[in-house]
Amino acid sequence: MSDRKTIQFSIKEENEIEMRRTLLSIYESLNEKGYNSISQIVGYILSEDPTYITTHNNARSMVRRIDRDELLQEMVKCYLGLK
């Protein structure tokens, strides 16, 4: 018998990881273009207006793949220290 442990990831955890990677990529693309990344992302989240996000590095297309409700839920959980 082996002492190796099996690591299992749920689909929810994988989605959260992918959402985080995507958001970080968008953040970096906004920074590269000289924008205030946090302000631009918040503007997008509040308005759902994709013009807050640059097309640089395909960031605007990527942001449309993020479910805003899920993103807000994760942000609140993190802010409250529940994650």
PDB file of N, CA and C in Angstrom:
ATOM      1  N   MET A   1       0.828  -1.190   0.000  1.00  0.00           N
ATOM      2  CA  MET A   1       0.000   0.000   0.000  1.00  0.00           C
ATOM      3  C   MET A   1       0.863   1.240   0.000  1.00  0.00           C
ATOM      4  N   SER A   2       0.363   2.256  -0.623  1.00  0.00           N
ATOM      5  CA  SER A   2       1.077   3.519  -0.732  1.00  0.00           C
ATOM      6  C   SER A   2       0.528   4.519   0.267  1.00  0.00           C
ATOM      7  N   ASP A   3       1.398   5.402   0.741  1.00  0.00           N
ATOM      8  CA  ASP A   3       0.976   6.443   1.667  1.00  0.00           C
ATOM      9  C   ASP A   3       0.580   7.730   0.946  1.00  0.00           C
ATOM     10  N   ARG A   4       0.539   7.665  -0.376  1.00  0.00           N
ATOM     11  CA  ARG A   4       0.176   8.864  -1.133  1.00  0.00           C
ATOM     12  C   ARG A   4      -1.284   9.217  -0.883  1.00  0.00           C
ATOM     13  N   LYS A   5      -1.514  10.510  -0.769  1.00  0.00           N
ATOM     14  CA  LYS A   5      -2.876  10.989  -0.557  1.00  0.00           C
ATOM     15  C   LYS A   5      -3.446  11.463  -1.886  1.00  0.00           C
ATOM     16  N   THR A   6      -4.707  11.180  -2.083  1.00  0.00           N
ATOM     17  CA  THR A   6      -5.392  11.639  -3.284  1.00  0.00           C
ATOM     18  C   THR A   6      -5.971  13.014  -3.004  1.00  0.00           C
ATOM     19  N   ILE A   7      -5.676  13.935  -3.892  1.00  0.00           N
ATOM     20  CA  ILE A   7      -6.223  15.277  -3.766  1.00  0.00           C
ATOM     21  C   ILE A   7      -7.413  15.379  -4.699  1.00  0.00           C
ATOM     22  N   GLN A   8      -8.532  15.794  -4.142  1.00  0.00           N
ATOM     23  CA  GLN A   8      -9.739  15.934  -4.937  1.00  0.00           C
ATOM     24  C   GLN A   8     -10.147  17.400  -4.969  1.00  0.00           C
ATOM     25  N   PHE A   9     -10.498  17.854  -6.142  1.00  0.00           N
ATOM     26  CA  PHE A   9     -10.994  19.206  -6.315  1.00  0.00           C
ATOM     27  C   PHE A   9     -12.435  19.129  -6.779  1.00  0.00           C
ATOM     28  N   SER A  10     -13.263  19.940  -6.192  1.00  0.00           N
ATOM     29  CA  SER A  10     -14.643  19.973  -6.660  1.00  0.00           C
ATOM     30  C   SER A  10     -14.722  20.893  -7.875  1.00  0.00           C
ATOM     31  N   ILE A  11     -15.778  20.744  -8.619  1.00  0.00           N
ATOM     32  CA  ILE A  11     -15.988  21.610  -9.774  1.00  0.00           C
ATOM     33  C   ILE A  11     -16.094  23.058  -9.315  1.00  0.00           C
ATOM     34  N   LYS A  12     -16.722  23.272  -8.173  1.00  0.00           N
ATOM     35  CA  LYS A  12     -16.857  24.630  -7.636  1.00  0.00           C
ATOM     36  C   LYS A  12     -15.486  25.231  -7.359  1.00  0.00           C
ATOM     37  N   GLU A  13     -14.589  24.465  -6.740  1.00  0.00           N
ATOM     38  CA  GLU A  13     -13.240  24.960  -6.457  1.00  0.00           C
ATOM     39  C   GLU A  13     -12.493  25.265  -7.745  1.00  0.00           C
ATOM     40  N   GLU A  14     -12.635  24.415  -8.736  1.00  0.00           N
ATOM     41  CA  GLU A  14     -11.974  24.642 -10.024  1.00  0.00           C
ATOM     42  C   GLU A  14     -12.504  25.911 -10.682  1.00  0.00           C
ATOM     43  N   ASN A  15     -13.810  26.140 -10.594  1.00  0.00           N
ATOM     44  CA  ASN A  15     -14.395  27.356 -11.158  1.00  0.00           C
ATOM     45  C   ASN A  15     -13.875  28.601 -10.440  1.00  0.00           C
ATOM     46  N   GLU A  16     -13.736  28.520  -9.125  1.00  0.00           N
ATOM     47  CA  GLU A  16     -13.210  29.645  -8.346  1.00  0.00           C
ATOM     48  C   GLU A  16     -11.762  29.937  -8.724  1.00  0.00           C
ATOM     49  N   ILE A  17     -10.977  28.899  -8.909  1.00  0.00           N
ATOM     50  CA  ILE A  17      -9.576  29.065  -9.299  1.00  0.00           C
ATOM     51  C   ILE A  17      -9.491  29.709 -10.678  1.00  0.00           C
ATOM     52  N   GLU A  18     -10.308  29.232 -11.609  1.00  0.00           N
ATOM     53  CA  GLU A  18     -10.305  29.791 -12.962  1.00  0.00           C
ATOM     54  C   GLU A  18     -10.780  31.241 -12.958  1.00  0.00           C
ATOM     55  N   MET A  19     -11.790  31.547 -12.157  1.00  0.00           N
ATOM     56  CA  MET A  19     -12.286  32.911 -12.065  1.00  0.00           C
ATOM     57  C   MET A  19     -11.191  33.838 -11.523  1.00  0.00           C
ATOM     58  N   ARG A  20     -10.464  33.376 -10.535  1.00  0.00           N
ATOM     59  CA  ARG A  20      -9.372  34.165  -9.962  1.00  0.00           C
ATOM     60  C   ARG A  20      -8.268  34.400 -10.996  1.00  0.00           C
ATOM     61  N   ARG A  21      -7.879  33.357 -11.711  1.00  0.00           N
ATOM     62  CA  ARG A  21      -6.853  33.494 -12.758  1.00  0.00           C
ATOM     63  C   ARG A  21      -7.293  34.487 -13.831  1.00  0.00           C
ATOM     64  N   THR A  22      -8.532  34.372 -14.239  1.00  0.00           N
ATOM     65  CA  THR A  22      -9.057  35.264 -15.271  1.00  0.00           C
ATOM     66  C   THR A  22      -9.060  36.704 -14.786  1.00  0.00           C
ATOM     67  N   LEU A  23      -9.525  36.931 -13.572  1.00  0.00           N
ATOM     68  CA  LEU A  23      -9.580  38.279 -13.023  1.00  0.00           C
ATOM     69  C   LEU A  23      -8.180  38.868 -12.858  1.00  0.00           C
ATOM     70  N   LEU A  24      -7.224  38.053 -12.439  1.00  0.00           N
ATOM     71  CA  LEU A  24      -5.841  38.529 -12.326  1.00  0.00           C
ATOM     72  C   LEU A  24      -5.274  38.902 -13.691  1.00  0.00           C
ATOM     73  N   SER A  25      -5.600  38.137 -14.701  1.00  0.00           N
ATOM     74  CA  SER A  25      -5.151  38.436 -16.053  1.00  0.00           C
ATOM     75  C   SER A  25      -5.751  39.757 -16.547  1.00  0.00           C
ATOM     76  N   ILE A  26      -7.022  39.962 -16.270  1.00  0.00           N
ATOM     77  CA  ILE A  26      -7.693  41.209 -16.641  1.00  0.00           C
ATOM     78  C   ILE A  26      -7.056  42.380 -15.896  1.00  0.00           C
ATOM     79  N   TYR A  27      -6.806  42.197 -14.615  1.00  0.00           N
ATOM     80  CA  TYR A  27      -6.156  43.217 -13.782  1.00  0.00           C
ATOM     81  C   TYR A  27      -4.793  43.604 -14.377  1.00  0.00           C
ATOM     82  N   GLU A  28      -4.008  42.616 -14.754  1.00  0.00           N
ATOM     83  CA  GLU A  28      -2.688  42.873 -15.328  1.00  0.00           C
ATOM     84  C   GLU A  28      -2.791  43.586 -16.673  1.00  0.00           C
ATOM     85  N   SER A  29      -3.758  43.202 -17.493  1.00  0.00           N
ATOM     86  CA  SER A  29      -3.949  43.859 -18.789  1.00  0.00           C
ATOM     87  C   SER A  29      -4.315  45.328 -18.606  1.00  0.00           C
ATOM     88  N   LEU A  30      -5.182  45.614 -17.654  1.00  0.00           N
ATOM     89  CA  LEU A  30      -5.544  47.000 -17.372  1.00  0.00           C
ATOM     90  C   LEU A  30      -4.326  47.792 -16.893  1.00  0.00           C
ATOM     91  N   ASN A  31      -3.524  47.184 -16.014  1.00  0.00           N
ATOM     92  CA  ASN A  31      -2.306  47.845 -15.532  1.00  0.00           C
ATOM     93  C   ASN A  31      -1.355  48.141 -16.678  1.00  0.00           C
ATOM     94  N   GLU A  32      -1.179  47.191 -17.573  1.00  0.00           N
ATOM     95  CA  GLU A  32      -0.272  47.364 -18.710  1.00  0.00           C
ATOM     96  C   GLU A  32      -0.681  48.555 -19.574  1.00  0.00           C
ATOM     97  N   LYS A  33      -1.968  48.810 -19.652  1.00  0.00           N
ATOM     98  CA  LYS A  33      -2.454  49.931 -20.461  1.00  0.00           C
ATOM     99  C   LYS A  33      -2.510  51.235 -19.666  1.00  0.00           C
ATOM    100  N   GLY A  34      -2.131  51.190 -18.387  1.00  0.00           N
ATOM    101  CA  GLY A  34      -2.062  52.407 -17.576  1.00  0.00           C
ATOM    102  C   GLY A  34      -3.348  52.790 -16.869  1.00  0.00           C
ATOM    103  N   TYR A  35      -4.312  51.898 -16.834  1.00  0.00           N
ATOM    104  CA  TYR A  35      -5.574  52.175 -16.153  1.00  0.00           C
ATOM    105  C   TYR A  35      -5.463  51.908 -14.654  1.00  0.00           C
ATOM    106  N   ASN A  36      -6.376  52.495 -13.887  1.00  0.00           N
ATOM    107  CA  ASN A  36      -6.535  52.145 -12.481  1.00  0.00           C
ATOM    108  C   ASN A  36      -7.365  50.853 -12.488  1.00  0.00           C
ATOM    109  N   SER A  37      -6.682  49.737 -12.383  1.00  0.00           N
ATOM    110  CA  SER A  37      -7.317  48.425 -12.580  1.00  0.00           C
ATOM    111  C   SER A  37      -8.492  48.172 -11.650  1.00  0.00           C
ATOM    112  N   ILE A  38      -8.315  48.483 -10.376  1.00  0.00           N
ATOM    113  CA  ILE A  38      -9.387  48.230  -9.406  1.00  0.00           C
ATOM    114  C   ILE A  38     -10.621  49.052  -9.761  1.00  0.00           C
ATOM    115  N   SER A  39     -10.425  50.313 -10.056  1.00  0.00           N
ATOM    116  CA  SER A  39     -11.538  51.195 -10.396  1.00  0.00           C
ATOM    117  C   SER A  39     -12.267  50.711 -11.654  1.00  0.00           C
ATOM    118  N   GLN A  40     -11.513  50.275 -12.644  1.00  0.00           N
ATOM    119  CA  GLN A  40     -12.120  49.797 -13.887  1.00  0.00           C
ATOM    120  C   GLN A  40     -12.912  48.508 -13.658  1.00  0.00           C
ATOM    121  N   ILE A  41     -12.369  47.600 -12.879  1.00  0.00           N
ATOM    122  CA  ILE A  41     -13.067  46.335 -12.600  1.00  0.00           C
ATOM    123  C   ILE A  41     -14.335  46.594 -11.794  1.00  0.00           C
ATOM    124  N   VAL A  42     -14.250  47.469 -10.804  1.00  0.00           N
ATOM    125  CA  VAL A  42     -15.437  47.823 -10.013  1.00  0.00           C
ATOM    126  C   VAL A  42     -16.498  48.456 -10.921  1.00  0.00           C
ATOM    127  N   GLY A  43     -16.072  49.346 -11.801  1.00  0.00           N
ATOM    128  CA  GLY A  43     -17.014  49.959 -12.738  1.00  0.00           C
ATOM    129  C   GLY A  43     -17.723  48.919 -13.579  1.00  0.00           C
ATOM    130  N   TYR A  44     -16.962  47.935 -14.042  1.00  0.00           N
ATOM    131  CA  TYR A  44     -17.574  46.862 -14.828  1.00  0.00           C
ATOM    132  C   TYR A  44     -18.556  46.048 -13.986  1.00  0.00           C
ATOM    133  N   ILE A  45     -18.147  45.685 -12.782  1.00  0.00           N
ATOM    134  CA  ILE A  45     -19.016  44.862 -11.926  1.00  0.00           C
ATOM    135  C   ILE A  45     -20.325  45.590 -11.635  1.00  0.00           C
ATOM    136  N   LEU A  46     -20.245  46.877 -11.354  1.00  0.00           N
ATOM    137  CA  LEU A  46     -21.454  47.634 -11.018  1.00  0.00           C
ATOM    138  C   LEU A  46     -22.366  47.869 -12.215  1.00  0.00           C
ATOM    139  N   SER A  47     -21.770  48.096 -13.373  1.00  0.00           N
ATOM    140  CA  SER A  47     -22.574  48.493 -14.530  1.00  0.00           C
ATOM    141  C   SER A  47     -22.798  47.386 -15.561  1.00  0.00           C
ATOM    142  N   GLU A  48     -21.934  46.383 -15.554  1.00  0.00           N
ATOM    143  CA  GLU A  48     -21.889  45.329 -16.572  1.00  0.00           C
ATOM    144  C   GLU A  48     -21.576  45.914 -17.958  1.00  0.00           C
ATOM    145  N   ASP A  49     -20.983  47.105 -17.976  1.00  0.00           N
ATOM    146  CA  ASP A  49     -20.578  47.749 -19.219  1.00  0.00           C
ATOM    147  C   ASP A  49     -19.165  47.292 -19.566  1.00  0.00           C
ATOM    148  N   PRO A  50     -19.005  46.495 -20.617  1.00  0.00           N
ATOM    149  CA  PRO A  50     -17.691  45.933 -20.929  1.00  0.00           C
ATOM    150  C   PRO A  50     -16.656  46.971 -21.362  1.00  0.00           C
ATOM    151  N   THR A  51     -17.092  48.199 -21.666  1.00  0.00           N
ATOM    152  CA  THR A  51     -16.113  49.203 -22.078  1.00  0.00           C
ATOM    153  C   THR A  51     -15.216  49.646 -20.926  1.00  0.00           C
ATOM    154  N   TYR A  52     -15.532  49.275 -19.700  1.00  0.00           N
ATOM    155  CA  TYR A  52     -14.628  49.527 -18.576  1.00  0.00           C
ATOM    156  C   TYR A  52     -13.358  48.675 -18.689  1.00  0.00           C
ATOM    157  N   ILE A  53     -13.427  47.610 -19.477  1.00  0.00           N
ATOM    158  CA  ILE A  53     -12.315  46.667 -19.589  1.00  0.00           C
ATOM    159  C   ILE A  53     -11.664  46.822 -20.959  1.00  0.00           C
ATOM    160  N   THR A  54     -10.349  46.912 -20.968  1.00  0.00           N
ATOM    161  CA  THR A  54      -9.591  47.061 -22.205  1.00  0.00           C
ATOM    162  C   THR A  54      -9.697  45.811 -23.080  1.00  0.00           C
ATOM    163  N   THR A  55      -9.513  46.005 -24.374  1.00  0.00           N
ATOM    164  CA  THR A  55      -9.454  44.857 -25.277  1.00  0.00           C
ATOM    165  C   THR A  55      -8.038  44.266 -25.314  1.00  0.00           C
ATOM    166  N   HIS A  56      -7.082  44.959 -24.700  1.00  0.00           N
ATOM    167  CA  HIS A  56      -5.693  44.499 -24.647  1.00  0.00           C
ATOM    168  C   HIS A  56      -5.623  43.086 -24.058  1.00  0.00           C
ATOM    169  N   ASN A  57      -4.880  42.219 -24.706  1.00  0.00           N
ATOM    170  CA  ASN A  57      -4.720  40.818 -24.276  1.00  0.00           C
ATOM    171  C   ASN A  57      -6.048  40.069 -24.173  1.00  0.00           C
ATOM    172  N   ASN A  58      -7.049  40.518 -24.934  1.00  0.00           N
ATOM    173  CA  ASN A  58      -8.351  39.852 -24.959  1.00  0.00           C
ATOM    174  C   ASN A  58      -9.100  39.944 -23.622  1.00  0.00           C
ATOM    175  N   ALA A  59      -8.755  40.951 -22.806  1.00  0.00           N
ATOM    176  CA  ALA A  59      -9.351  41.076 -21.467  1.00  0.00           C
ATOM    177  C   ALA A  59     -10.860  41.268 -21.509  1.00  0.00           C
ATOM    178  N   ARG A  60     -11.344  42.031 -22.472  1.00  0.00           N
ATOM    179  CA  ARG A  60     -12.795  42.287 -22.534  1.00  0.00           C
ATOM    180  C   ARG A  60     -13.571  41.002 -22.807  1.00  0.00           C
ATOM    181  N   SER A  61     -13.053  40.160 -23.661  1.00  0.00           N
ATOM    182  CA  SER A  61     -13.714  38.871 -23.920  1.00  0.00           C
ATOM    183  C   SER A  61     -13.653  37.979 -22.687  1.00  0.00           C
ATOM    184  N   MET A  62     -12.529  38.019 -21.992  1.00  0.00           N
ATOM    185  CA  MET A  62     -12.370  37.176 -20.797  1.00  0.00           C
ATOM    186  C   MET A  62     -13.334  37.593 -19.693  1.00  0.00           C
ATOM    187  N   VAL A  63     -13.542  38.903 -19.507  1.00  0.00           N
ATOM    188  CA  VAL A  63     -14.399  39.352 -18.409  1.00  0.00           C
ATOM    189  C   VAL A  63     -15.836  38.903 -18.616  1.00  0.00           C
ATOM    190  N   ARG A  64     -16.230  38.739 -19.848  1.00  0.00           N
ATOM    191  CA  ARG A  64     -17.601  38.307 -20.125  1.00  0.00           C
ATOM    192  C   ARG A  64     -17.842  36.854 -19.721  1.00  0.00           C
ATOM    193  N   ARG A  65     -16.777  36.098 -19.511  1.00  0.00           N
ATOM    194  CA  ARG A  65     -16.914  34.693 -19.087  1.00  0.00           C
ATOM    195  C   ARG A  65     -17.085  34.558 -17.576  1.00  0.00           C
ATOM    196  N   ILE A  66     -16.876  35.640 -16.853  1.00  0.00           N
ATOM    197  CA  ILE A  66     -17.003  35.603 -15.389  1.00  0.00           C
ATOM    198  C   ILE A  66     -18.445  35.903 -15.009  1.00  0.00           C
ATOM    199  N   ASP A  67     -19.015  35.044 -14.190  1.00  0.00           N
ATOM    200  CA  ASP A  67     -20.357  35.274 -13.666  1.00  0.00           C
ATOM    201  C   ASP A  67     -20.249  36.320 -12.559  1.00  0.00           C
ATOM    202  N   ARG A  68     -20.853  37.487 -12.769  1.00  0.00           N
ATOM    203  CA  ARG A  68     -20.715  38.582 -11.802  1.00  0.00           C
ATOM    204  C   ARG A  68     -21.279  38.225 -10.437  1.00  0.00           C
ATOM    205  N   ASP A  69     -22.387  37.502 -10.385  1.00  0.00           N
ATOM    206  CA  ASP A  69     -22.964  37.107  -9.095  1.00  0.00           C
ATOM    207  C   ASP A  69     -22.001  36.211  -8.320  1.00  0.00           C
ATOM    208  N   GLU A  70     -21.410  35.240  -9.007  1.00  0.00           N
ATOM    209  CA  GLU A  70     -20.442  34.358  -8.349  1.00  0.00           C
ATOM    210  C   GLU A  70     -19.228  35.144  -7.871  1.00  0.00           C
ATOM    211  N   LEU A  71     -18.763  36.071  -8.699  1.00  0.00           N
ATOM    212  CA  LEU A  71     -17.623  36.898  -8.333  1.00  0.00           C
ATOM    213  C   LEU A  71     -17.921  37.724  -7.083  1.00  0.00           C
ATOM    214  N   LEU A  72     -19.074  38.354  -7.045  1.00  0.00           N
ATOM    215  CA  LEU A  72     -19.448  39.150  -5.872  1.00  0.00           C
ATOM    216  C   LEU A  72     -19.576  38.281  -4.624  1.00  0.00           C
ATOM    217  N   GLN A  73     -20.135  37.092  -4.767  1.00  0.00           N
ATOM    218  CA  GLN A  73     -20.239  36.186  -3.621  1.00  0.00           C
ATOM    219  C   GLN A  73     -18.861  35.844  -3.074  1.00  0.00           C
ATOM    220  N   GLU A  74     -17.925  35.532  -3.967  1.00  0.00           N
ATOM    221  CA  GLU A  74     -16.566  35.190  -3.545  1.00  0.00           C
ATOM    222  C   GLU A  74     -15.870  36.381  -2.895  1.00  0.00           C
ATOM    223  N   MET A  75     -16.106  37.562  -3.434  1.00  0.00           N
ATOM    224  CA  MET A  75     -15.488  38.763  -2.873  1.00  0.00           C
ATOM    225  C   MET A  75     -15.996  39.020  -1.456  1.00  0.00           C
ATOM    226  N   VAL A  76     -17.294  38.876  -1.242  1.00  0.00           N
ATOM    227  CA  VAL A  76     -17.862  39.094   0.085  1.00  0.00           C
ATOM    228  C   VAL A  76     -17.339  38.052   1.068  1.00  0.00           C
ATOM    229  N   LYS A  77     -17.279  36.797   0.636  1.00  0.00           N
ATOM    230  CA  LYS A  77     -16.738  35.733   1.497  1.00  0.00           C
ATOM    231  C   LYS A  77     -15.310  36.046   1.910  1.00  0.00           C
ATOM    232  N   CYS A  78     -14.488  36.467   0.958  1.00  0.00           N
ATOM    233  CA  CYS A  78     -13.092  36.795   1.252  1.00  0.00           C
ATOM    234  C   CYS A  78     -13.012  37.994   2.190  1.00  0.00           C
ATOM    235  N   TYR A  79     -13.811  39.005   1.927  1.00  0.00           N
ATOM    236  CA  TYR A  79     -13.790  40.215   2.750  1.00  0.00           C
ATOM    237  C   TYR A  79     -14.173  39.904   4.191  1.00  0.00           C
ATOM    238  N   LEU A  80     -15.132  39.014   4.368  1.00  0.00           N
ATOM    239  CA  LEU A  80     -15.588  38.634   5.714  1.00  0.00           C
ATOM    240  C   LEU A  80     -14.706  37.553   6.356  1.00  0.00           C
ATOM    241  N   GLY A  81     -13.709  37.087   5.621  1.00  0.00           N
ATOM    242  CA  GLY A  81     -12.808  36.070   6.153  1.00  0.00           C
ATOM    243  C   GLY A  81     -13.433  34.699   6.232  1.00  0.00           C
ATOM    244  N   LEU A  82     -14.403  34.434   5.397  1.00  0.00           N
ATOM    245  CA  LEU A  82     -15.098  33.152   5.410  1.00  0.00           C
ATOM    246  C   LEU A  82     -14.466  32.151   4.467  1.00  0.00           C
ATOM    247  N   LYS A  83     -13.388  32.538   3.845  1.00  0.00           N
ATOM    248  CA  LYS A  83     -12.663  31.651   2.912  1.00  0.00           C
ATOM    249  C   LYS A  83     -11.273  31.461   3.367  1.00  0.00           C
TER     250      LYS A  83
END
